[in-house]
Protein backbone atom coordinates (compact mmCIF):
# COMPACT_ATOMS: atom_id res chain seq x y z
CA UNK A 1 11.41 -20.77 -11.31
CA UNK A 2 14.76 -20.85 -13.10
CA UNK A 3 14.83 -24.31 -14.66
CA UNK A 4 16.93 -25.99 -17.43
CA UNK A 5 14.48 -25.64 -20.47
CA UNK A 6 13.92 -21.49 -18.95
CA UNK A 7 18.09 -21.07 -19.13
CA UNK A 8 18.09 -22.33 -22.94
CA UNK A 9 14.64 -21.53 -24.14
CA UNK A 10 16.30 -17.24 -22.80
CA UNK A 11 19.19 -17.66 -24.81
CA UNK A 12 17.66 -18.53 -28.22
CA UNK A 13 15.15 -15.49 -27.83
CA UNK A 14 17.78 -13.44 -26.88
CA UNK A 15 19.83 -14.31 -30.35
CA UNK A 16 16.14 -13.98 -31.95
CA UNK A 17 15.65 -10.39 -30.48
CA UNK A 18 19.05 -9.41 -32.48
CA UNK A 19 18.47 -11.31 -35.75
CA UNK A 20 21.37 -14.20 -34.34
CA UNK A 21 21.51 -17.73 -34.80
CA UNK A 22 22.67 -19.36 -31.34
CA UNK A 23 26.22 -19.30 -32.94
CA UNK A 24 26.25 -16.01 -33.70
CA UNK A 25 25.07 -14.78 -31.12
CA UNK A 26 28.04 -17.14 -28.96
CA UNK A 27 30.54 -15.45 -31.47
CA UNK A 28 29.43 -11.70 -31.19
CA UNK A 29 29.79 -12.25 -27.10
CA UNK A 30 33.71 -14.11 -28.06
CA UNK A 31 32.60 -17.79 -27.25
CA UNK A 32 33.14 -20.83 -29.19
CA UNK A 33 30.86 -20.46 -32.07
CA UNK A 34 29.44 -24.26 -30.53
CA UNK A 35 28.72 -23.24 -27.26
CA UNK A 36 25.32 -23.02 -27.45
CA UNK A 37 24.51 -25.88 -30.32
CA UNK A 38 21.67 -28.39 -29.44
CA UNK A 39 24.11 -30.94 -28.82
CA UNK A 40 26.16 -29.07 -25.81
CA UNK A 41 22.16 -28.96 -24.43
CA UNK A 42 22.52 -32.50 -22.88
CA UNK A 43 25.68 -34.70 -22.55
CA UNK A 44 25.30 -38.07 -24.47
CA UNK A 45 23.83 -40.39 -21.61
CA UNK A 46 21.15 -37.63 -21.21
CA UNK A 47 22.01 -35.82 -18.86
CA UNK A 48 21.41 -31.38 -18.86
CA UNK A 49 24.03 -29.29 -19.44
CA UNK A 50 24.00 -25.94 -18.05
CA UNK A 51 25.43 -22.94 -19.53
CA UNK A 52 28.26 -20.89 -16.93
CA UNK A 53 26.99 -17.82 -15.52
CA UNK A 54 29.99 -16.79 -17.31
CA UNK A 55 28.97 -17.49 -20.38
CA UNK A 56 25.56 -15.59 -19.77
CA UNK A 57 27.07 -12.49 -18.70
CA UNK A 58 29.29 -12.29 -21.68
CA UNK A 59 26.55 -12.38 -23.83
CA UNK A 60 24.13 -10.28 -21.60
CA UNK A 61 27.38 -7.58 -21.95
CA UNK A 62 27.58 -8.11 -25.96
CA UNK A 63 23.81 -7.09 -26.21
CA UNK A 64 23.49 -4.45 -23.24
CA UNK A 65 20.33 -6.54 -21.95
CA UNK A 66 19.75 -7.06 -18.53
CA UNK A 67 19.37 -10.08 -16.94
CA UNK A 68 15.64 -9.77 -16.39
CA UNK A 69 15.15 -9.26 -19.72
CA UNK A 70 17.29 -11.80 -20.61
CA UNK A 71 14.70 -14.35 -18.08
CA UNK A 72 11.62 -12.20 -20.06
CA UNK A 73 12.13 -14.27 -23.16
CA UNK A 74 11.91 -17.85 -22.06
CA UNK A 75 8.91 -19.60 -22.63
CA UNK A 76 7.30 -20.88 -19.04
CA UNK A 77 9.54 -18.13 -16.66
CA UNK A 78 6.92 -16.18 -14.45
CA UNK A 79 8.40 -13.42 -12.42
CA UNK A 80 7.01 -13.27 -9.25
CA UNK A 81 5.24 -9.83 -9.09
CA UNK A 82 6.18 -7.82 -6.06
CA UNK A 83 3.36 -6.97 -3.44
CA UNK A 84 1.01 -4.95 -4.00
CA UNK A 85 1.84 -1.82 -1.67
CA UNK A 86 -0.54 -1.69 1.45
CA UNK A 87 -3.13 1.19 1.14
CA UNK A 88 -2.71 4.36 3.44
CA UNK A 89 -4.96 7.05 4.63
CA UNK A 90 -3.96 10.57 6.11
CA UNK A 91 -2.97 10.27 9.81
CA UNK A 92 -2.83 13.22 12.06
CA UNK A 93 -2.93 13.36 15.79
CA UNK A 94 -6.03 14.30 17.31
CA UNK A 95 -4.50 17.01 19.28
CA UNK A 96 -3.34 18.38 16.07
CA UNK A 97 -6.73 18.06 14.78
CA UNK A 98 -7.92 21.07 16.65
CA UNK A 99 -5.78 23.38 15.68
CA UNK A 100 -6.79 25.72 12.24
CA UNK A 101 -5.22 24.11 8.63
CA UNK A 102 -5.93 20.90 8.72
CA UNK A 103 -9.39 20.06 7.31
CA UNK A 104 -11.81 22.11 4.80
CA UNK A 105 -15.05 23.64 5.62
CA UNK A 106 -16.54 20.03 4.92
CA UNK A 107 -14.17 18.20 7.50
CA UNK A 108 -11.85 16.91 4.90
CA UNK A 109 -8.25 16.85 4.79
CA UNK A 110 -6.29 19.43 3.60
CA UNK A 111 -3.30 21.19 3.97
CA UNK A 112 0.37 20.36 5.55
CA UNK A 113 1.61 18.44 8.17
CA UNK A 114 -0.38 15.10 7.64
CA UNK A 115 1.49 11.66 7.49
CA UNK A 116 0.12 8.09 6.51
CA UNK A 117 -0.19 5.12 7.69
CA UNK A 118 -0.80 1.83 6.63
CA UNK A 119 -4.52 0.39 6.74
CA UNK A 120 -6.23 -2.76 4.29
CA UNK A 121 -9.48 -2.00 4.68
CA UNK A 122 -9.17 1.55 3.07
CA UNK A 123 -12.16 1.18 0.94
CA UNK A 124 -13.67 4.56 1.24
CA UNK A 125 -11.63 7.12 -0.36
CA UNK A 126 -12.11 9.99 2.06
CA UNK A 127 -11.12 8.08 4.85
CA UNK A 128 -8.39 9.32 7.59
CA UNK A 129 -6.87 9.17 11.10
CA UNK A 130 -6.29 10.38 13.77
CA UNK A 131 -4.40 9.47 16.61
CA UNK A 132 -5.11 9.58 20.35
CA UNK A 133 -2.99 11.32 22.87
CA UNK A 134 -3.84 11.32 26.61
CA UNK A 135 -6.11 9.14 27.96
CA UNK A 136 -9.13 11.90 28.35
CA UNK A 137 -10.59 9.07 25.89
CA UNK A 138 -10.45 5.86 28.29
CA UNK A 139 -11.47 3.51 29.11
CA UNK A 140 -12.59 3.09 25.09
CA UNK A 141 -9.40 4.67 23.70
CA UNK A 142 -5.60 4.73 25.01
CA UNK A 143 -3.34 7.07 24.17
CA UNK A 144 -1.36 6.31 20.51
CA UNK A 145 -5.05 4.33 19.72
CA UNK A 146 -5.14 5.03 16.13
CA UNK A 147 -9.43 6.03 14.79
CA UNK A 148 -9.79 5.55 11.18
CA UNK A 149 -12.94 7.63 10.46
CA UNK A 150 -14.73 8.96 7.45
CA UNK A 151 -16.52 12.46 7.23
CA UNK A 152 -19.24 10.66 4.15
CA UNK A 153 -19.98 7.62 5.81
CA UNK A 154 -23.68 8.12 6.93
CA UNK A 155 -24.25 8.60 10.89
CA UNK A 156 -27.00 6.65 13.02
CA UNK A 157 -27.63 6.42 15.89
CA UNK A 158 -25.32 4.73 18.34
CA UNK A 159 -22.28 5.24 16.27
CA UNK A 160 -18.89 6.82 18.39
CA UNK A 161 -18.26 9.88 16.10
CA UNK A 162 -15.29 12.27 16.28
CA UNK A 163 -16.47 15.67 16.74
CA UNK A 164 -14.84 19.27 16.70
CA UNK A 165 -16.47 21.87 17.54
CA UNK A 166 -16.02 25.71 16.20
CA UNK A 167 -14.00 26.39 18.87
CA UNK A 168 -11.23 23.70 17.73
CA UNK A 169 -12.00 20.76 20.88
CA UNK A 170 -11.90 17.27 19.17
CA UNK A 171 -13.55 14.43 21.12
CA UNK A 172 -14.58 11.31 20.90
CA UNK A 173 -18.26 10.42 21.40
CA UNK A 174 -21.62 8.22 20.84
CA UNK A 175 -23.83 9.61 19.18
CA UNK A 176 -27.08 9.41 21.00
CA UNK A 177 -29.55 11.74 18.85
CA UNK A 178 -29.73 13.95 15.73
CA UNK A 179 -32.21 16.45 15.37
CA UNK A 180 -31.77 19.51 12.41
CA UNK A 181 -30.62 22.09 15.31
CA UNK A 182 -28.86 19.84 17.34
CA UNK A 183 -26.92 16.58 18.94
CA UNK A 184 -27.37 14.35 21.72
CA UNK A 185 -23.57 13.00 22.31
CA UNK A 186 -22.90 10.49 25.00
CA UNK A 187 -19.55 9.88 26.35
CA UNK A 188 -17.77 7.06 25.72
CA UNK A 189 -16.87 7.17 29.48
CA UNK A 190 -19.76 6.16 31.75
CA UNK A 191 -18.53 8.41 34.51
CA UNK A 192 -19.10 11.02 32.09
CA UNK A 193 -23.11 12.56 32.11
CA UNK A 194 -24.35 13.39 27.91
CA UNK A 195 -23.20 16.99 26.22
CA UNK A 196 -26.43 18.17 23.69
CA UNK A 197 -24.64 20.73 21.04
CA UNK A 198 -26.22 23.07 18.60
CA UNK A 199 -24.99 21.98 15.08
CA UNK A 200 -24.44 26.10 14.81
CA UNK A 201 -21.30 25.07 16.98
CA UNK A 202 -19.97 22.01 15.60
CA UNK A 203 -17.19 22.18 13.21
CA UNK A 204 -17.62 18.68 11.64
CA UNK A 205 -18.95 14.88 12.46
CA UNK A 206 -17.18 12.15 11.15
CA UNK A 207 -17.32 8.66 11.92
CA UNK A 208 -15.70 5.56 13.35
CA UNK A 209 -14.85 3.02 11.10
CA UNK A 210 -12.20 0.99 12.45
CA UNK A 211 -9.98 1.31 16.00
CA UNK A 212 -6.31 -0.26 16.73
CA UNK A 213 -6.68 -1.69 20.51
């Protein structure tokens, strides 16, 4: 906040940083030596007097300082920091996820072609986003919905997951059962029958953490 005290404190601090008195600072800037005297800071009736913007501009030019550095020396001045940047996660279209080159052997994002999307709750450093395309996942997910998934989250029965097969098929399912050799997946659309896949047919499975709906 720019108060009367803040401005005058900043002027005094600027002079001190350059080993000058307030009068010396005024002379350096080509101003009247008394421009920054204590007597000039209040009128005889107690009203506050402010330095002109022209005088401040001149002392900044003479000392080669910025307005930010000028204010940084003021007692009690707090500058509002910029809002923190929202955390982001890598983003890829689900259709593209079926192609090769976007994931490593562990199912983690790799390679080129990834975009980014902000996700305030991104506490999992391995999480990424997949954008649904088409209507194959209705009624659960619509075209354009974004799924935040994690390849490291522990899978439990009833979890919604994204599965990629070795043949490049990528789809969202419900994990119904997992054994040492296979997984049983239920469709998000009740009209579709459950599906069983051998683990040897699956490239990776990632748990869905959140969906924009």
